[in-house]
C-alpha atoms as a PDB file:
ATOM      1  CA  MET A   1       0.000   0.000   0.000  1.00  0.00           C
ATOM      2  CA  GLU A   2       2.924   2.322   0.774  1.00  0.00           C
ATOM      3  CA  GLN A   3       4.121   1.948  -2.831  1.00  0.00           C
ATOM      4  CA  MET A   4       0.747   3.007  -4.212  1.00  0.00           C
ATOM      5  CA  VAL A   5       0.086   5.771  -1.674  1.00  0.00           C
ATOM      6  CA  PRO A   6       3.344   7.238  -0.329  1.00  0.00           C
ATOM      7  CA  GLY A   7       3.056   8.275   3.316  1.00  0.00           C
ATOM      8  CA  MET A   8       0.157   5.909   4.015  1.00  0.00           C
ATOM      9  CA  GLN A   9       2.205   3.637   6.272  1.00  0.00           C
ATOM     10  CA  GLU A  10       2.942   6.517   8.653  1.00  0.00           C
ATOM     11  CA  LYS A  11      -0.718   7.578   8.662  1.00  0.00           C
ATOM     12  CA  ILE A  12      -1.811   4.037   9.538  1.00  0.00           C
ATOM     13  CA  LEU A  13       0.843   3.543  12.219  1.00  0.00           C
ATOM     14  CA  SER A  14       0.123   6.930  13.796  1.00  0.00           C
ATOM     15  CA  GLY A  15      -3.624   6.235  13.884  1.00  0.00           C
ATOM     16  CA  GLN A  16      -4.525   9.065  11.513  1.00  0.00           C
ATOM     17  CA  PHE A  17      -6.048   6.547   9.126  1.00  0.00           C
ATOM     18  CA  LYS A  18      -7.806   3.341  10.172  1.00  0.00           C
ATOM     19  CA  VAL A  19      -7.651   0.181   8.075  1.00  0.00           C
ATOM     20  CA  ARG A  20      -9.554  -2.967   8.931  1.00  0.00           C
ATOM     21  CA  ASP A  21      -7.471  -6.113   9.369  1.00  0.00           C
ATOM     22  CA  ALA A  22      -9.671  -7.889   6.839  1.00  0.00           C
ATOM     23  CA  ASP A  23      -8.878  -5.218   4.235  1.00  0.00           C
ATOM     24  CA  MET A  24      -5.137  -5.516   4.840  1.00  0.00           C
ATOM     25  CA  HIS A  25      -5.334  -9.307   4.547  1.00  0.00           C
ATOM     26  CA  ARG A  26      -7.349  -8.986   1.347  1.00  0.00           C
ATOM     27  CA  LEU A  27      -4.778  -6.554  -0.063  1.00  0.00           C
ATOM     28  CA  ALA A  28      -1.860  -8.795   0.889  1.00  0.00           C
ATOM     29  CA  ARG A  29      -3.428 -11.836  -0.785  1.00  0.00           C
ATOM     30  CA  ALA A  30      -4.616 -10.073  -3.915  1.00  0.00           C
ATOM     31  CA  ASP A  31      -2.982 -10.497  -7.289  1.00  0.00           C
ATOM     32  CA  PHE A  32      -0.985  -7.433  -8.279  1.00  0.00           C
ATOM     33  CA  PRO A  33      -3.495  -6.172 -10.909  1.00  0.00           C
ATOM     34  CA  ASP A  34      -6.322  -6.249  -8.319  1.00  0.00           C
ATOM     35  CA  ARG A  35      -4.452  -4.273  -5.654  1.00  0.00           C
ATOM     36  CA  LYS A  36      -5.211  -0.860  -7.156  1.00  0.00           C
ATOM     37  CA  GLN A  37      -8.948  -1.491  -6.842  1.00  0.00           C
ATOM     38  CA  ILE A  38      -8.592  -2.771  -3.269  1.00  0.00           C
ATOM     39  CA  VAL A  39      -6.520   0.266  -2.243  1.00  0.00           C
ATOM     40  CA  HIS A  40      -9.214   2.491  -3.757  1.00  0.00           C
ATOM     41  CA  GLU A  41     -11.886   0.650  -1.732  1.00  0.00           C
ATOM     42  CA  ILE A  42      -9.829   1.043   1.466  1.00  0.00           C
ATOM     43  CA  LEU A  43      -9.279   4.766   0.871  1.00  0.00           C
ATOM     44  CA  HIS A  44     -12.880   5.374  -0.229  1.00  0.00           C
ATOM     45  CA  PRO A  45     -15.132   3.001   1.744  1.00  0.00           C
ATOM     46  CA  GLU A  46     -18.168   5.017   0.676  1.00  0.00           C
ATOM     47  CA  ASP A  47     -17.544   3.777  -2.895  1.00  0.00           C
ATOM     48  CA  ARG A  48     -17.203   0.159  -1.797  1.00  0.00           C
ATOM     49  CA  SER A  49     -20.845  -0.847  -2.186  1.00  0.00           C
ATOM     50  CA  ALA A  50     -21.049   0.645  -5.665  1.00  0.00           C
ATOM     51  CA  SER A  51     -17.726  -0.657  -6.951  1.00  0.00           C
ATOM     52  CA  GLN A  52     -17.285  -4.120  -5.514  1.00  0.00           C
ATOM     53  CA  SER A  53     -16.276  -6.240  -8.452  1.00  0.00           C
ATOM     54  CA  SER A  54     -17.591  -9.780  -8.385  1.00  0.00           C
ATOM     55  CA  CYS A  55     -18.962  -9.746  -4.828  1.00  0.00           C
ATOM     56  CA  SER A  56     -21.421  -6.844  -4.842  1.00  0.00           C
ATOM     57  CA  HIS A  57     -24.270  -9.048  -3.663  1.00  0.00           C
ATOM     58  CA  TYR A  58     -22.178 -10.237  -0.688  1.00  0.00           C
ATOM     59  CA  SER A  59     -21.769  -6.852   1.005  1.00  0.00           C
ATOM     60  CA  GLY A  60     -21.704  -7.155   4.756  1.00  0.00           C
ATOM     61  CA  ILE A  61     -19.687 -10.386   4.815  1.00  0.00           C
ATOM     62  CA  ASN A  62     -17.458 -10.711   7.846  1.00  0.00           C
ATOM     63  CA  TYR A  63     -14.243 -11.779   6.129  1.00  0.00           C
ATOM     64  CA  SER A  64     -12.427 -12.361   9.418  1.00  0.00           C
ATOM     65  CA  ALA A  65     -15.074 -14.844  10.564  1.00  0.00           C
ATOM     66  CA  LEU A  66     -15.023 -16.481   7.143  1.00  0.00           C
ATOM     67  CA  GLU A  67     -11.243 -16.903   7.308  1.00  0.00           C
ATOM     68  CA  VAL A  68     -11.551 -18.497  10.760  1.00  0.00           C
ATOM     69  CA  ALA A  69     -14.213 -20.910   9.506  1.00  0.00           C
ATOM     70  CA  VAL A  70     -12.145 -21.903   6.478  1.00  0.00           C
ATOM     71  CA  ARG A  71      -9.079 -22.417   8.657  1.00  0.00           C
ATOM     72  CA  ARG A  72     -11.076 -24.659  11.027  1.00  0.00           C
ATOM     73  CA  ILE A  73     -12.429 -26.741   8.144  1.00  0.00           C
ATOM     74  CA  GLN A  74      -8.891 -27.139   6.797  1.00  0.00           C
ATOM     75  CA  GLN A  75      -7.650 -28.248  10.238  1.00  0.00           C
ATOM     76  CA  ASP A  76     -10.489 -30.764  10.546  1.00  0.00           C
ATOM     77  CA  PHE A  77      -9.774 -32.102   7.074  1.00  0.00           C
ATOM     78  CA  ASP A  78      -6.045 -32.398   7.812  1.00  0.00           C
ATOM     79  CA  PHE A  79      -6.794 -34.205  11.080  1.00  0.00           C
ATOM     80  CA  LEU A  80      -9.105 -36.700   9.378  1.00  0.00           C
ATOM     81  CA  ALA A  81      -6.606 -37.291   6.574  1.00  0.00           C
ATOM     82  CA  ARG A  82      -3.833 -38.018   9.079  1.00  0.00           C
ATOM     83  CA  LEU A  83      -6.155 -40.248  11.093  1.00  0.00           C
ATOM     84  CA  CYS A  84      -7.194 -42.161   7.995  1.00  0.00           C
ATOM     85  CA  HIS A  85      -3.717 -42.547   6.525  1.00  0.00           C
ATOM     86  CA  GLY A  86      -2.218 -43.361   9.910  1.00  0.00           C
ATOM     87  CA  GLY A  87      -4.191 -46.555  10.028  1.00  0.00           C
ATOM     88  CA  THR A  88      -6.177 -45.696  13.147  1.00  0.00           C
ATOM     89  CA  ILE A  89      -9.458 -46.221  11.334  1.00  0.00           C
ATOM     90  CA  LYS A  90      -8.859 -49.516   9.573  1.00  0.00           C
ATOM     91  CA  GLY A  91     -10.850 -50.055   6.433  1.00  0.00           C
ATOM     92  CA  ALA A  92     -12.594 -46.694   6.730  1.00  0.00           C
ATOM     93  CA  CYS A  93     -10.493 -44.956   4.100  1.00  0.00           C
ATOM     94  CA  VAL A  94     -10.298 -46.034   0.520  1.00  0.00           C
END
C-alpha cells in the first residue's frame, strides 16, 4: 500500500487513518493487478458498495469470521486425513 500511496504507512501507524485487518489481509493476498482497486476501496469506503467487483451481492460479509471458519475446516480435514492414513481407522479410508 505504501508503494501506491506514499506516506500511508505513517498515517496508519500513527492512527490518523484506520484500516480494517480484513482489508489488509485482502490486499496482501490479492494479485498485483487487483491491488489498485482494493486500495481504492480502502481509501474510499463510501464507494465500496457501488464498486465491488464480483462480490457486490455479498456486502456485509465478515471476512475475518469467514477466514476463521475456512481455517477450522482445513484443520479438521487435515486431522481426518492423518487419522485415515495413519491406520487408526482400519478399512474406513479407501
